[in-house]
C-alpha atoms as a PDB file:
ATOM      1  CA  MET A   1      53.069  91.320-106.283  1.00  0.00           C
ATOM      2  CA  THR A   2      55.824  90.032-108.593  1.00  0.00           C
ATOM      3  CA  VAL A   3      58.926  91.523-110.153  1.00  0.00           C
ATOM      4  CA  ASP A   4      59.304  91.323-113.920  1.00  0.00           C
ATOM      5  CA  ALA A   5      62.104  89.228-115.376  1.00  0.00           C
ATOM      6  CA  ASP A   6      64.110  92.196-116.640  1.00  0.00           C
ATOM      7  CA  SER A   7      64.465  93.665-113.144  1.00  0.00           C
ATOM      8  CA  THR A   8      65.059  90.417-111.297  1.00  0.00           C
ATOM      9  CA  SER A   9      68.802  90.188-111.868  1.00  0.00           C
ATOM     10  CA  ALA A  10      69.355  93.724-110.588  1.00  0.00           C
ATOM     11  CA  VAL A  11      67.344  93.155-107.428  1.00  0.00           C
ATOM     12  CA  LEU A  12      68.978  89.783-106.796  1.00  0.00           C
ATOM     13  CA  GLY A  13      72.564  90.990-106.843  1.00  0.00           C
ATOM     14  CA  ASP A  14      75.180  89.364-104.662  1.00  0.00           C
ATOM     15  CA  GLU A  15      75.331  92.182-102.111  1.00  0.00           C
ATOM     16  CA  VAL A  16      73.035  92.384 -99.091  1.00  0.00           C
ATOM     17  CA  THR A  17      72.642  95.970 -97.888  1.00  0.00           C
ATOM     18  CA  LEU A  18      70.300  98.035 -95.761  1.00  0.00           C
ATOM     19  CA  GLN A  19      68.678  99.173 -99.000  1.00  0.00           C
ATOM     20  CA  THR A  20      67.991  95.625-100.235  1.00  0.00           C
ATOM     21  CA  ILE A  21      66.631  94.716 -96.793  1.00  0.00           C
ATOM     22  CA  ARG A  22      64.329  97.756 -96.801  1.00  0.00           C
ATOM     23  CA  GLU A  23      63.171  96.863-100.314  1.00  0.00           C
ATOM     24  CA  ALA A  24      62.472  93.333 -99.089  1.00  0.00           C
ATOM     25  CA  ALA A  25      60.437  94.697 -96.187  1.00  0.00           C
ATOM     26  CA  ASP A  26      58.254  96.702 -98.563  1.00  0.00           C
ATOM     27  CA  LEU A  27      57.803  93.739-100.894  1.00  0.00           C
ATOM     28  CA  ILE A  28      56.865  91.126 -98.309  1.00  0.00           C
ATOM     29  CA  GLU A  29      54.824  93.391 -96.036  1.00  0.00           C
ATOM     30  CA  PRO A  30      51.437  92.092 -97.278  1.00  0.00           C
ATOM     31  CA  TYR A  31      52.485  88.488 -96.685  1.00  0.00           C
ATOM     32  CA  VAL A  32      54.203  88.371 -93.295  1.00  0.00           C
ATOM     33  CA  VAL A  33      53.417  89.180 -89.684  1.00  0.00           C
ATOM     34  CA  ARG A  34      55.027  92.198 -88.050  1.00  0.00           C
ATOM     35  CA  THR A  35      56.006  90.307 -84.936  1.00  0.00           C
ATOM     36  CA  PRO A  36      56.174  92.084 -81.578  1.00  0.00           C
ATOM     37  CA  THR A  37      59.215  93.066 -79.553  1.00  0.00           C
ATOM     38  CA  LEU A  38      58.328  92.786 -75.876  1.00  0.00           C
ATOM     39  CA  PRO A  39      60.122  93.332 -72.560  1.00  0.00           C
ATOM     40  CA  MET A  40      61.014  90.149 -70.687  1.00  0.00           C
ATOM     41  CA  ARG A  41      61.112  91.519 -67.163  1.00  0.00           C
ATOM     42  CA  ARG A  42      61.838  88.349 -65.235  1.00  0.00           C
ATOM     43  CA  LEU A  43      64.725  87.551 -67.539  1.00  0.00           C
ATOM     44  CA  SER A  44      65.910  91.133 -67.074  1.00  0.00           C
ATOM     45  CA  ASP A  45      65.858  90.681 -63.307  1.00  0.00           C
ATOM     46  CA  PHE A  46      67.867  87.475 -63.555  1.00  0.00           C
ATOM     47  CA  LEU A  47      70.402  88.820 -66.050  1.00  0.00           C
ATOM     48  CA  GLY A  48      70.747  92.139 -64.255  1.00  0.00           C
ATOM     49  CA  LEU A  49      70.269  93.935 -67.583  1.00  0.00           C
ATOM     50  CA  PRO A  50      67.175  94.976 -69.560  1.00  0.00           C
ATOM     51  CA  VAL A  51      66.080  92.187 -71.926  1.00  0.00           C
ATOM     52  CA  VAL A  52      63.572  92.277 -74.783  1.00  0.00           C
ATOM     53  CA  GLY A  53      62.478  89.422 -76.994  1.00  0.00           C
ATOM     54  CA  LYS A  54      61.732  89.627 -80.705  1.00  0.00           C
ATOM     55  CA  PHE A  55      58.858  87.143 -80.870  1.00  0.00           C
ATOM     56  CA  GLU A  56      59.481  85.841 -84.366  1.00  0.00           C
ATOM     57  CA  LEU A  57      58.016  82.498 -83.348  1.00  0.00           C
ATOM     58  CA  LEU A  58      54.641  84.198 -83.954  1.00  0.00           C
ATOM     59  CA  GLN A  59      55.489  84.460 -87.661  1.00  0.00           C
ATOM     60  CA  HIS A  60      53.594  82.397 -90.258  1.00  0.00           C
ATOM     61  CA  THR A  61      54.573  78.700 -89.934  1.00  0.00           C
ATOM     62  CA  GLY A  62      56.083  79.431 -86.512  1.00  0.00           C
ATOM     63  CA  ALA A  63      59.482  80.811 -87.524  1.00  0.00           C
ATOM     64  CA  PHE A  64      61.240  83.691 -89.285  1.00  0.00           C
ATOM     65  CA  LYS A  65      61.780  81.672 -92.455  1.00  0.00           C
ATOM     66  CA  ALA A  66      58.641  82.974 -94.170  1.00  0.00           C
ATOM     67  CA  ARG A  67      60.367  86.329 -94.666  1.00  0.00           C
ATOM     68  CA  GLY A  68      63.158  84.990 -96.850  1.00  0.00           C
ATOM     69  CA  ALA A  69      60.919  82.533 -98.671  1.00  0.00           C
ATOM     70  CA  PHE A  70      58.471  85.232 -99.714  1.00  0.00           C
ATOM     71  CA  ASN A  71      61.194  87.680-100.724  1.00  0.00           C
ATOM     72  CA  ARG A  72      62.888  85.131-102.976  1.00  0.00           C
ATOM     73  CA  MET A  73      59.676  83.813-104.501  1.00  0.00           C
ATOM     74  CA  LEU A  74      58.255  87.264-105.179  1.00  0.00           C
ATOM     75  CA  HIS A  75      61.261  87.798-107.455  1.00  0.00           C
ATOM     76  CA  LEU A  76      60.503  84.781-109.640  1.00  0.00           C
ATOM     77  CA  SER A  77      59.907  85.489-113.306  1.00  0.00           C
ATOM     78  CA  GLU A  78      56.728  84.162-114.880  1.00  0.00           C
ATOM     79  CA  ASN A  79      58.663  81.292-116.458  1.00  0.00           C
ATOM     80  CA  GLU A  80      60.225  80.419-113.097  1.00  0.00           C
ATOM     81  CA  ARG A  81      56.847  80.510-111.388  1.00  0.00           C
ATOM     82  CA  ALA A  82      55.501  78.116-113.991  1.00  0.00           C
ATOM     83  CA  ALA A  83      58.437  75.725-113.481  1.00  0.00           C
ATOM     84  CA  GLY A  84      57.972  75.583-109.705  1.00  0.00           C
ATOM     85  CA  VAL A  85      60.405  75.669-106.822  1.00  0.00           C
ATOM     86  CA  VAL A  86      62.325  73.175-104.713  1.00  0.00           C
ATOM     87  CA  ALA A  87      63.699  73.488-101.193  1.00  0.00           C
ATOM     88  CA  VAL A  88      65.768  71.379 -98.806  1.00  0.00           C
ATOM     89  CA  SER A  89      64.889  71.623 -95.155  1.00  0.00           C
ATOM     90  CA  GLY A  90      64.989  69.937 -91.786  1.00  0.00           C
ATOM     91  CA  GLY A  91      61.772  71.723 -90.901  1.00  0.00           C
ATOM     92  CA  ASN A  92      61.236  75.475 -90.757  1.00  0.00           C
ATOM     93  CA  HIS A  93      62.519  76.471 -94.205  1.00  0.00           C
ATOM     94  CA  GLY A  94      60.459  73.764 -95.844  1.00  0.00           C
ATOM     95  CA  LEU A  95      57.349  74.884 -93.994  1.00  0.00           C
ATOM     96  CA  ALA A  96      57.951  78.471 -95.097  1.00  0.00           C
ATOM     97  CA  VAL A  97      58.502  77.560 -98.746  1.00  0.00           C
ATOM     98  CA  ALA A  98      55.407  75.348 -98.773  1.00  0.00           C
ATOM     99  CA  TYR A  99      53.305  78.123 -97.218  1.00  0.00           C
ATOM    100  CA  ALA A 100      54.655  80.893 -99.464  1.00  0.00           C
ATOM    101  CA  ALA A 101      54.227  78.747-102.554  1.00  0.00           C
ATOM    102  CA  ARG A 102      50.607  78.055-101.693  1.00  0.00           C
ATOM    103  CA  GLU A 103      49.922  81.730-101.057  1.00  0.00           C
ATOM    104  CA  LEU A 104      51.565  82.742-104.345  1.00  0.00           C
ATOM    105  CA  GLY A 105      50.155  79.913-106.457  1.00  0.00           C
ATOM    106  CA  VAL A 106      53.486  78.227-107.162  1.00  0.00           C
ATOM    107  CA  ASP A 107      54.134  74.471-107.190  1.00  0.00           C
ATOM    108  CA  ALA A 108      56.658  73.488-104.506  1.00  0.00           C
ATOM    109  CA  THR A 109      58.732  70.381-103.867  1.00  0.00           C
ATOM    110  CA  VAL A 110      60.173  70.164-100.360  1.00  0.00           C
ATOM    111  CA  ILE A 111      62.873  67.591 -99.658  1.00  0.00           C
ATOM    112  CA  MET A 112      63.387  66.670 -96.016  1.00  0.00           C
ATOM    113  CA  PRO A 113      65.729  64.235 -94.267  1.00  0.00           C
ATOM    114  CA  SER A 114      64.216  61.407 -92.246  1.00  0.00           C
ATOM    115  CA  THR A 115      65.192  63.169 -89.008  1.00  0.00           C
ATOM    116  CA  THR A 116      62.561  65.841 -89.718  1.00  0.00           C
ATOM    117  CA  ALA A 117      59.660  65.862 -87.281  1.00  0.00           C
ATOM    118  CA  SER A 118      56.616  64.085 -88.680  1.00  0.00           C
ATOM    119  CA  THR A 119      54.509  67.129 -87.785  1.00  0.00           C
ATOM    120  CA  SER A 120      56.641  69.310 -90.093  1.00  0.00           C
ATOM    121  CA  ILE A 121      56.321  66.808 -92.927  1.00  0.00           C
ATOM    122  CA  GLY A 122      52.563  66.709 -92.440  1.00  0.00           C
ATOM    123  CA  ARG A 123      52.240  70.497 -92.298  1.00  0.00           C
ATOM    124  CA  ALA A 124      54.225  70.945 -95.521  1.00  0.00           C
ATOM    125  CA  ARG A 125      51.965  68.439 -97.252  1.00  0.00           C
ATOM    126  CA  ALA A 126      48.920  70.210 -95.852  1.00  0.00           C
ATOM    127  CA  ASP A 127      50.121  73.333 -97.682  1.00  0.00           C
ATOM    128  CA  ASP A 128      50.041  71.315-100.922  1.00  0.00           C
ATOM    129  CA  ALA A 129      53.809  70.851-101.262  1.00  0.00           C
ATOM    130  CA  HIS A 130      55.152  67.657-102.786  1.00  0.00           C
ATOM    131  CA  VAL A 131      57.279  66.311 -99.935  1.00  0.00           C
ATOM    132  CA  VAL A 132      60.167  63.896-100.525  1.00  0.00           C
ATOM    133  CA  VAL A 133      61.809  62.270 -97.499  1.00  0.00           C
ATOM    134  CA  THR A 134      65.433  61.102 -97.814  1.00  0.00           C
ATOM    135  CA  ASP A 135      67.660  59.180 -95.425  1.00  0.00           C
ATOM    136  CA  THR A 136      70.130  62.045 -94.916  1.00  0.00           C
ATOM    137  CA  ILE A 137      70.400  65.798 -95.442  1.00  0.00           C
ATOM    138  CA  ARG A 138      73.194  65.160 -97.943  1.00  0.00           C
ATOM    139  CA  GLU A 139      70.867  63.004-100.029  1.00  0.00           C
ATOM    140  CA  ALA A 140      68.232  65.717 -99.757  1.00  0.00           C
ATOM    141  CA  PHE A 141      70.566  68.250-101.372  1.00  0.00           C
ATOM    142  CA  GLU A 142      71.509  65.739-104.071  1.00  0.00           C
ATOM    143  CA  GLN A 143      67.821  65.189-104.853  1.00  0.00           C
ATOM    144  CA  ALA A 144      67.267  68.949-104.944  1.00  0.00           C
ATOM    145  CA  LEU A 145      70.040  69.373-107.508  1.00  0.00           C
ATOM    146  CA  HIS A 146      68.287  66.778-109.659  1.00  0.00           C
ATOM    147  CA  GLU A 147      65.053  68.766-109.372  1.00  0.00           C
ATOM    148  CA  VAL A 148      66.925  71.927-110.413  1.00  0.00           C
ATOM    149  CA  SER A 149      68.251  70.099-113.473  1.00  0.00           C
ATOM    150  CA  THR A 150      64.635  69.535-114.552  1.00  0.00           C
ATOM    151  CA  GLY A 151      63.936  73.270-114.424  1.00  0.00           C
ATOM    152  CA  LYS A 152      62.778  73.962-110.861  1.00  0.00           C
ATOM    153  CA  VAL A 153      64.175  76.978-109.008  1.00  0.00           C
ATOM    154  CA  MET A 154      66.078  76.280-105.797  1.00  0.00           C
ATOM    155  CA  ILE A 155      64.944  78.346-102.825  1.00  0.00           C
ATOM    156  CA  HIS A 156      68.101  77.995-100.777  1.00  0.00           C
ATOM    157  CA  PRO A 157      67.706  78.182 -96.988  1.00  0.00           C
ATOM    158  CA  PHE A 158      70.606  80.621 -96.546  1.00  0.00           C
ATOM    159  CA  ASP A 159      72.935  80.962 -99.561  1.00  0.00           C
ATOM    160  CA  ASP A 160      70.817  83.483-101.456  1.00  0.00           C
ATOM    161  CA  PRO A 161      70.999  87.282-101.124  1.00  0.00           C
ATOM    162  CA  ALA A 162      67.219  87.623-101.465  1.00  0.00           C
ATOM    163  CA  VAL A 163      66.642  85.093 -98.687  1.00  0.00           C
ATOM    164  CA  ILE A 164      69.201  86.820 -96.463  1.00  0.00           C
ATOM    165  CA  ALA A 165      67.634  90.231 -97.133  1.00  0.00           C
ATOM    166  CA  GLY A 166      64.203  88.822 -96.323  1.00  0.00           C
ATOM    167  CA  GLN A 167      65.400  87.458 -93.002  1.00  0.00           C
ATOM    168  CA  GLY A 168      67.031  90.796 -92.237  1.00  0.00           C
ATOM    169  CA  THR A 169      63.652  92.532 -92.295  1.00  0.00           C
ATOM    170  CA  LEU A 170      63.000  91.329 -88.744  1.00  0.00           C
ATOM    171  CA  ALA A 171      65.898  93.537 -87.612  1.00  0.00           C
ATOM    172  CA  LEU A 172      64.201  96.631 -89.044  1.00  0.00           C
ATOM    173  CA  GLU A 173      61.188  95.898 -86.846  1.00  0.00           C
ATOM    174  CA  LEU A 174      63.345  95.138 -83.819  1.00  0.00           C
ATOM    175  CA  TYR A 175      65.253  98.404 -84.143  1.00  0.00           C
ATOM    176  CA  ALA A 176      62.085 100.428 -84.720  1.00  0.00           C
ATOM    177  CA  ASP A 177      60.522  98.978 -81.573  1.00  0.00           C
ATOM    178  CA  ALA A 178      63.642  98.980 -79.356  1.00  0.00           C
ATOM    179  CA  PRO A 179      66.210 101.464 -80.712  1.00  0.00           C
ATOM    180  CA  GLU A 180      67.966 101.471 -77.336  1.00  0.00           C
ATOM    181  CA  ILE A 181      69.303  97.911 -77.737  1.00  0.00           C
ATOM    182  CA  THR A 182      73.063  97.486 -77.522  1.00  0.00           C
ATOM    183  CA  ASP A 183      73.436  93.703 -77.832  1.00  0.00           C
ATOM    184  CA  VAL A 184      71.472  91.241 -79.959  1.00  0.00           C
ATOM    185  CA  VAL A 185      71.704  87.460 -79.585  1.00  0.00           C
ATOM    186  CA  ALA A 186      70.770  85.427 -82.657  1.00  0.00           C
ATOM    187  CA  SER A 187      71.083  81.724 -83.377  1.00  0.00           C
ATOM    188  CA  ILE A 188      72.903  80.315 -86.396  1.00  0.00           C
ATOM    189  CA  GLY A 189      72.052  77.451 -88.714  1.00  0.00           C
ATOM    190  CA  GLY A 190      73.524  78.181 -92.132  1.00  0.00           C
ATOM    191  CA  GLY A 191      73.887  81.841 -91.186  1.00  0.00           C
ATOM    192  CA  GLY A 192      71.234  83.488 -93.354  1.00  0.00           C
ATOM    193  CA  MET A 193      69.213  85.050 -90.561  1.00  0.00           C
ATOM    194  CA  ILE A 194      72.121  86.352 -88.502  1.00  0.00           C
ATOM    195  CA  SER A 195      73.706  87.731 -91.685  1.00  0.00           C
ATOM    196  CA  GLY A 196      70.641  89.742 -92.667  1.00  0.00           C
ATOM    197  CA  VAL A 197      70.059  90.889 -89.103  1.00  0.00           C
ATOM    198  CA  THR A 198      73.673  91.970 -88.626  1.00  0.00           C
ATOM    199  CA  VAL A 199      73.901  93.853 -91.919  1.00  0.00           C
ATOM    200  CA  ALA A 200      70.723  95.761 -91.064  1.00  0.00           C
ATOM    201  CA  LEU A 201      71.609  96.566 -87.469  1.00  0.00           C
ATOM    202  CA  LYS A 202      75.194  97.581 -88.179  1.00  0.00           C
ATOM    203  CA  ALA A 203      73.951  99.954 -90.888  1.00  0.00           C
ATOM    204  CA  LEU A 204      71.361 101.445 -88.534  1.00  0.00           C
ATOM    205  CA  ASN A 205      73.731 101.714 -85.575  1.00  0.00           C
ATOM    206  CA  PRO A 206      77.332 100.498 -85.934  1.00  0.00           C
ATOM    207  CA  ALA A 207      77.719 100.375 -82.147  1.00  0.00           C
ATOM    208  CA  ILE A 208      75.229  97.521 -81.760  1.00  0.00           C
ATOM    209  CA  ARG A 209      76.935  94.230 -80.973  1.00  0.00           C
ATOM    210  CA  VAL A 210      75.527  91.043 -82.502  1.00  0.00           C
ATOM    211  CA  TRP A 211      76.334  87.711 -80.875  1.00  0.00           C
ATOM    212  CA  GLY A 212      75.764  84.380 -82.558  1.00  0.00           C
ATOM    213  CA  VAL A 213      74.896  81.141 -80.820  1.00  0.00           C
ATOM    214  CA  GLU A 214      75.137  77.497 -81.842  1.00  0.00           C
ATOM    215  CA  THR A 215      74.618  74.260 -79.963  1.00  0.00           C
ATOM    216  CA  HIS A 216      77.313  71.628 -79.670  1.00  0.00           C
ATOM    217  CA  GLY A 217      76.803  69.161 -82.483  1.00  0.00           C
ATOM    218  CA  ALA A 218      75.229  71.795 -84.744  1.00  0.00           C
ATOM    219  CA  ASP A 219      78.254  74.082 -84.747  1.00  0.00           C
ATOM    220  CA  VAL A 220      79.191  74.338 -88.402  1.00  0.00           C
ATOM    221  CA  MET A 221      79.732  78.125 -88.268  1.00  0.00           C
ATOM    222  CA  THR A 222      82.112  77.810 -85.319  1.00  0.00           C
ATOM    223  CA  ARG A 223      84.096  75.148 -87.143  1.00  0.00           C
ATOM    224  CA  SER A 224      84.083  77.119 -90.380  1.00  0.00           C
ATOM    225  CA  LEU A 225      85.374  80.235 -88.603  1.00  0.00           C
ATOM    226  CA  ALA A 226      88.186  78.164 -87.111  1.00  0.00           C
ATOM    227  CA  ALA A 227      89.038  76.669 -90.516  1.00  0.00           C
ATOM    228  CA  GLY A 228      88.794  79.987 -92.349  1.00  0.00           C
ATOM    229  CA  GLU A 229      86.469  78.465 -94.943  1.00  0.00           C
ATOM    230  CA  PRO A 230      83.130  76.658 -95.066  1.00  0.00           C
ATOM    231  CA  VAL A 231      83.332  73.112 -93.730  1.00  0.00           C
ATOM    232  CA  THR A 232      80.759  70.344 -93.909  1.00  0.00           C
ATOM    233  CA  LEU A 233      79.521  68.333 -90.938  1.00  0.00           C
ATOM    234  CA  ASP A 234      79.113  64.601 -91.458  1.00  0.00           C
ATOM    235  CA  SER A 235      76.052  64.611 -89.219  1.00  0.00           C
ATOM    236  CA  ILE A 236      74.110  66.790 -86.786  1.00  0.00           C
ATOM    237  CA  ALA A 237      74.415  65.678 -83.172  1.00  0.00           C
ATOM    238  CA  SER A 238      72.101  68.141 -81.451  1.00  0.00           C
ATOM    239  CA  ILE A 239      68.432  68.270 -80.563  1.00  0.00           C
ATOM    240  CA  ALA A 240      68.368  71.719 -82.212  1.00  0.00           C
ATOM    241  CA  THR A 241      67.633  70.170 -85.595  1.00  0.00           C
ATOM    242  CA  THR A 242      66.489  73.472 -87.065  1.00  0.00           C
ATOM    243  CA  LEU A 243      70.084  74.665 -86.592  1.00  0.00           C
ATOM    244  CA  GLY A 244      71.184  71.558 -88.484  1.00  0.00           C
ATOM    245  CA  ALA A 245      72.648  73.025 -91.666  1.00  0.00           C
ATOM    246  CA  PRO A 246      75.474  70.700 -92.769  1.00  0.00           C
ATOM    247  CA  THR A 247      77.540  73.660 -94.004  1.00  0.00           C
ATOM    248  CA  VAL A 248      77.560  77.445 -94.290  1.00  0.00           C
ATOM    249  CA  ALA A 249      77.894  79.671 -97.335  1.00  0.00           C
ATOM    250  CA  ALA A 250      80.983  81.681 -98.167  1.00  0.00           C
ATOM    251  CA  ARG A 251      78.846  84.836 -97.988  1.00  0.00           C
ATOM    252  CA  THR A 252      77.337  84.045 -94.571  1.00  0.00           C
ATOM    253  CA  LEU A 253      80.735  83.009 -93.211  1.00  0.00           C
ATOM    254  CA  ALA A 254      82.234  86.320 -94.359  1.00  0.00           C
ATOM    255  CA  ILE A 255      79.464  88.400 -92.770  1.00  0.00           C
ATOM    256  CA  VAL A 256      79.700  86.549 -89.466  1.00  0.00           C
ATOM    257  CA  ARG A 257      83.502  86.739 -89.486  1.00  0.00           C
ATOM    258  CA  ASP A 258      83.551  90.463 -90.220  1.00  0.00           C
ATOM    259  CA  LEU A 259      80.529  91.803 -88.314  1.00  0.00           C
ATOM    260  CA  VAL A 260      79.479  89.399 -85.536  1.00  0.00           C
ATOM    261  CA  GLU A 261      81.235  89.757 -82.186  1.00  0.00           C
ATOM    262  CA  GLU A 262      81.532  86.062 -81.442  1.00  0.00           C
ATOM    263  CA  VAL A 263      79.688  82.773 -81.790  1.00  0.00           C
ATOM    264  CA  VAL A 264      78.827  81.329 -78.379  1.00  0.00           C
ATOM    265  CA  LEU A 265      78.506  77.557 -78.053  1.00  0.00           C
ATOM    266  CA  VAL A 266      75.938  76.141 -75.627  1.00  0.00           C
ATOM    267  CA  SER A 267      74.887  72.615 -74.797  1.00  0.00           C
ATOM    268  CA  ASP A 268      71.612  70.909 -75.619  1.00  0.00           C
ATOM    269  CA  GLU A 269      70.931  70.712 -71.913  1.00  0.00           C
ATOM    270  CA  GLU A 270      71.334  74.481 -71.554  1.00  0.00           C
ATOM    271  CA  ALA A 271      68.932  74.972 -74.463  1.00  0.00           C
ATOM    272  CA  VAL A 272      66.339  72.740 -72.797  1.00  0.00           C
ATOM    273  CA  ARG A 273      66.684  74.516 -69.449  1.00  0.00           C
ATOM    274  CA  SER A 274      66.320  77.843 -71.262  1.00  0.00           C
ATOM    275  CA  LEU A 275      63.252  76.577 -73.103  1.00  0.00           C
ATOM    276  CA  GLU A 276      61.673  75.794 -69.723  1.00  0.00           C
ATOM    277  CA  VAL A 277      62.546  79.238 -68.356  1.00  0.00           C
ATOM    278  CA  ILE A 278      61.153  81.101 -71.368  1.00  0.00           C
ATOM    279  CA  SER A 279      57.997  79.010 -71.239  1.00  0.00           C
ATOM    280  CA  GLU A 280      57.516  79.932 -67.587  1.00  0.00           C
ATOM    281  CA  VAL A 281      58.249  83.649 -67.848  1.00  0.00           C
ATOM    282  CA  ALA A 282      56.974  84.509 -71.350  1.00  0.00           C
ATOM    283  CA  LYS A 283      54.226  81.888 -71.686  1.00  0.00           C
ATOM    284  CA  VAL A 284      55.406  80.804 -75.147  1.00  0.00           C
ATOM    285  CA  ILE A 285      56.978  77.573 -76.345  1.00  0.00           C
ATOM    286  CA  THR A 286      60.253  78.074 -78.173  1.00  0.00           C
ATOM    287  CA  GLU A 287      62.298  75.458 -79.966  1.00  0.00           C
ATOM    288  CA  PRO A 288      65.906  74.832 -78.847  1.00  0.00           C
ATOM    289  CA  ALA A 289      67.165  76.874 -81.807  1.00  0.00           C
ATOM    290  CA  ALA A 290      65.490  79.896 -80.186  1.00  0.00           C
ATOM    291  CA  SER A 291      65.829  79.155 -76.475  1.00  0.00           C
ATOM    292  CA  CYS A 292      69.592  78.794 -76.899  1.00  0.00           C
ATOM    293  CA  THR A 293      69.750  82.594 -77.178  1.00  0.00           C
ATOM    294  CA  TRP A 294      68.919  82.869 -73.478  1.00  0.00           C
ATOM    295  CA  ALA A 295      71.584  80.279 -72.669  1.00  0.00           C
ATOM    296  CA  ALA A 296      74.076  82.380 -74.630  1.00  0.00           C
ATOM    297  CA  ALA A 297      72.985  85.552 -72.820  1.00  0.00           C
ATOM    298  CA  LEU A 298      73.822  83.866 -69.528  1.00  0.00           C
ATOM    299  CA  HIS A 299      77.302  83.073 -70.864  1.00  0.00           C
ATOM    300  CA  LEU A 300      77.725  86.721 -71.847  1.00  0.00           C
ATOM    301  CA  ARG A 301      76.328  88.234 -68.649  1.00  0.00           C
ATOM    302  CA  ASP A 302      79.685  89.023 -67.015  1.00  0.00           C
ATOM    303  CA  ARG A 303      81.163  90.310 -70.275  1.00  0.00           C
ATOM    304  CA  LEU A 304      78.565  92.953 -71.074  1.00  0.00           C
ATOM    305  CA  PRO A 305      78.817  96.519 -69.767  1.00  0.00           C
ATOM    306  CA  ALA A 306      76.503  97.714 -67.028  1.00  0.00           C
ATOM    307  CA  ASP A 307      74.524  99.864 -69.478  1.00  0.00           C
ATOM    308  CA  ALA A 308      73.903  97.037 -71.967  1.00  0.00           C
ATOM    309  CA  ARG A 309      70.385  96.413 -73.249  1.00  0.00           C
ATOM    310  CA  VAL A 310      69.919  92.934 -74.645  1.00  0.00           C
ATOM    311  CA  ALA A 311      67.594  91.595 -77.341  1.00  0.00           C
ATOM    312  CA  LEU A 312      66.946  87.893 -77.877  1.00  0.00           C
ATOM    313  CA  ILE A 313      65.679  86.823 -81.283  1.00  0.00           C
ATOM    314  CA  LEU A 314      63.172  84.075 -80.482  1.00  0.00           C
ATOM    315  CA  CYS A 315      63.337  82.792 -84.015  1.00  0.00           C
ATOM    316  CA  GLY A 316      61.033  79.767 -83.890  1.00  0.00           C
ATOM    317  CA  GLY A 317      58.539  77.826 -81.837  1.00  0.00           C
ATOM    318  CA  ASN A 318      58.031  74.578 -83.725  1.00  0.00           C
ATOM    319  CA  ALA A 319      58.445  72.191 -80.815  1.00  0.00           C
ATOM    320  CA  SER A 320      55.689  69.743 -79.952  1.00  0.00           C
ATOM    321  CA  LEU A 321      54.729  68.632 -76.453  1.00  0.00           C
ATOM    322  CA  ASP A 322      56.107  65.197 -77.327  1.00  0.00           C
ATOM    323  CA  ASP A 323      59.446  66.824 -78.209  1.00  0.00           C
ATOM    324  CA  ILE A 324      59.576  68.643 -74.894  1.00  0.00           C
ATOM    325  CA  VAL A 325      58.716  65.521 -72.907  1.00  0.00           C
ATOM    326  CA  ARG A 326      61.494  63.646 -74.687  1.00  0.00           C
ATOM    327  CA  TRP A 327      64.054  66.411 -74.141  1.00  0.00           C
ATOM    328  CA  ARG A 328      63.202  66.731 -70.447  1.00  0.00           C
ATOM    329  CA  ALA A 329      63.642  62.980 -70.043  1.00  0.00           C
ATOM    330  CA  GLN A 330      66.992  63.198 -71.815  1.00  0.00           C
ATOM    331  CA  PHE A 331      68.117  66.120 -69.652  1.00  0.00           C
ATOM    332  CA  PRO A 332      66.317  65.788 -66.300  1.00  0.00           C
ATOM    333  CA  ALA A 333      66.479  68.785 -63.998  1.00  0.00           C
ATOM    334  CA  ASP A 334      68.673  68.482 -60.937  1.00  0.00           C
END
C-alpha cells in the first residue's frame, strides 16, 4: 500500500498524535509483527512488583525499527520511490530500512560507521541494500546529505514524525495487552521510540508514567535535557552502540522534557548483568540497549508505589554470542 503524493504532506505533518500513531498502525499492519507482551514472573518476584515485557526483539530484523521504517516509506510518492532512499545507522535502523526497502521494491543506501557490527553490515547487504561504511558516524551523516543532494530521500532514524508515529505503534499493542500498566521503561537513542510510545500512552491514559534510560557514554538525551537544547556527542563510549545517536532532535527533546518522568542513567556493566538475567529468566537474548531497561527498573524500585505495574520495552535483540562473550570478559561477574 502507498499514499499518493497529494496526501503525503498532510499525513507527514510535524505533529505526532494518537491519531497519527493509529493511522500508522493501520498502514504498517501487513508488514510488521504484532509482538507479544508477556509476564516476567521471576523479575516480578525480584522487583516486588508485577513486571511484563514487550518483546519487540521478535520484530522483523530483531528490533522495533521496522515500524518506523515502513511507516515512512509507505508515504513515499512514486517519484520518491523511484529515486530511492538513504539511511544512517549504527545497526538496527539500517537493517530495518534495508528490509523495508526490499519488501517494498525500493532501492536503499545504508551508511554505517566502522563501529557497526559486521553481522549488521552483512545482513543489510543480504537485503540488497547498498552499504557504505565510514570511519565515524559524523562522516556517515555527511555522506547521507550528499546522497540526499542527488535526489534520494532520507529515512531519518528519529527526527521524522512518520518514523516516530511508526515506533509509537508498539505502545498501542502494549496497552491493549496490558492496560493495567502504570510505569513503562523505554531506552533512548535519538528519542524517536520513546517519543512515539509516550505520546500514545499519555493519550490513552495520562496517569501512566514513562521512564527513559540511557547508558553512560551514550547519554545524549540526558546532556541535552541539562543544556536545554540538543547537544552533539563527539563519540559514543558505551557498548550499547544501538543507543549511539550522536545527537537528539528538537522534537524528541521536547517530548521527553514535557512528558517523560525522568531519564535514568545506568552503566554498561549493569546492562550486561541485566542481559544475563533476562536471558536466564525469559530465555531470550537482548542487546544492551534493551536489557538496560531492567537495570533502570532496579534503580526505580524504591521510588515506585506499592501498586505499580511495570512494563519493560525489550526493544532489540541483535547481540551475537561473540558480543556477549566479549562483554562478559570486559565486565566479569563477582
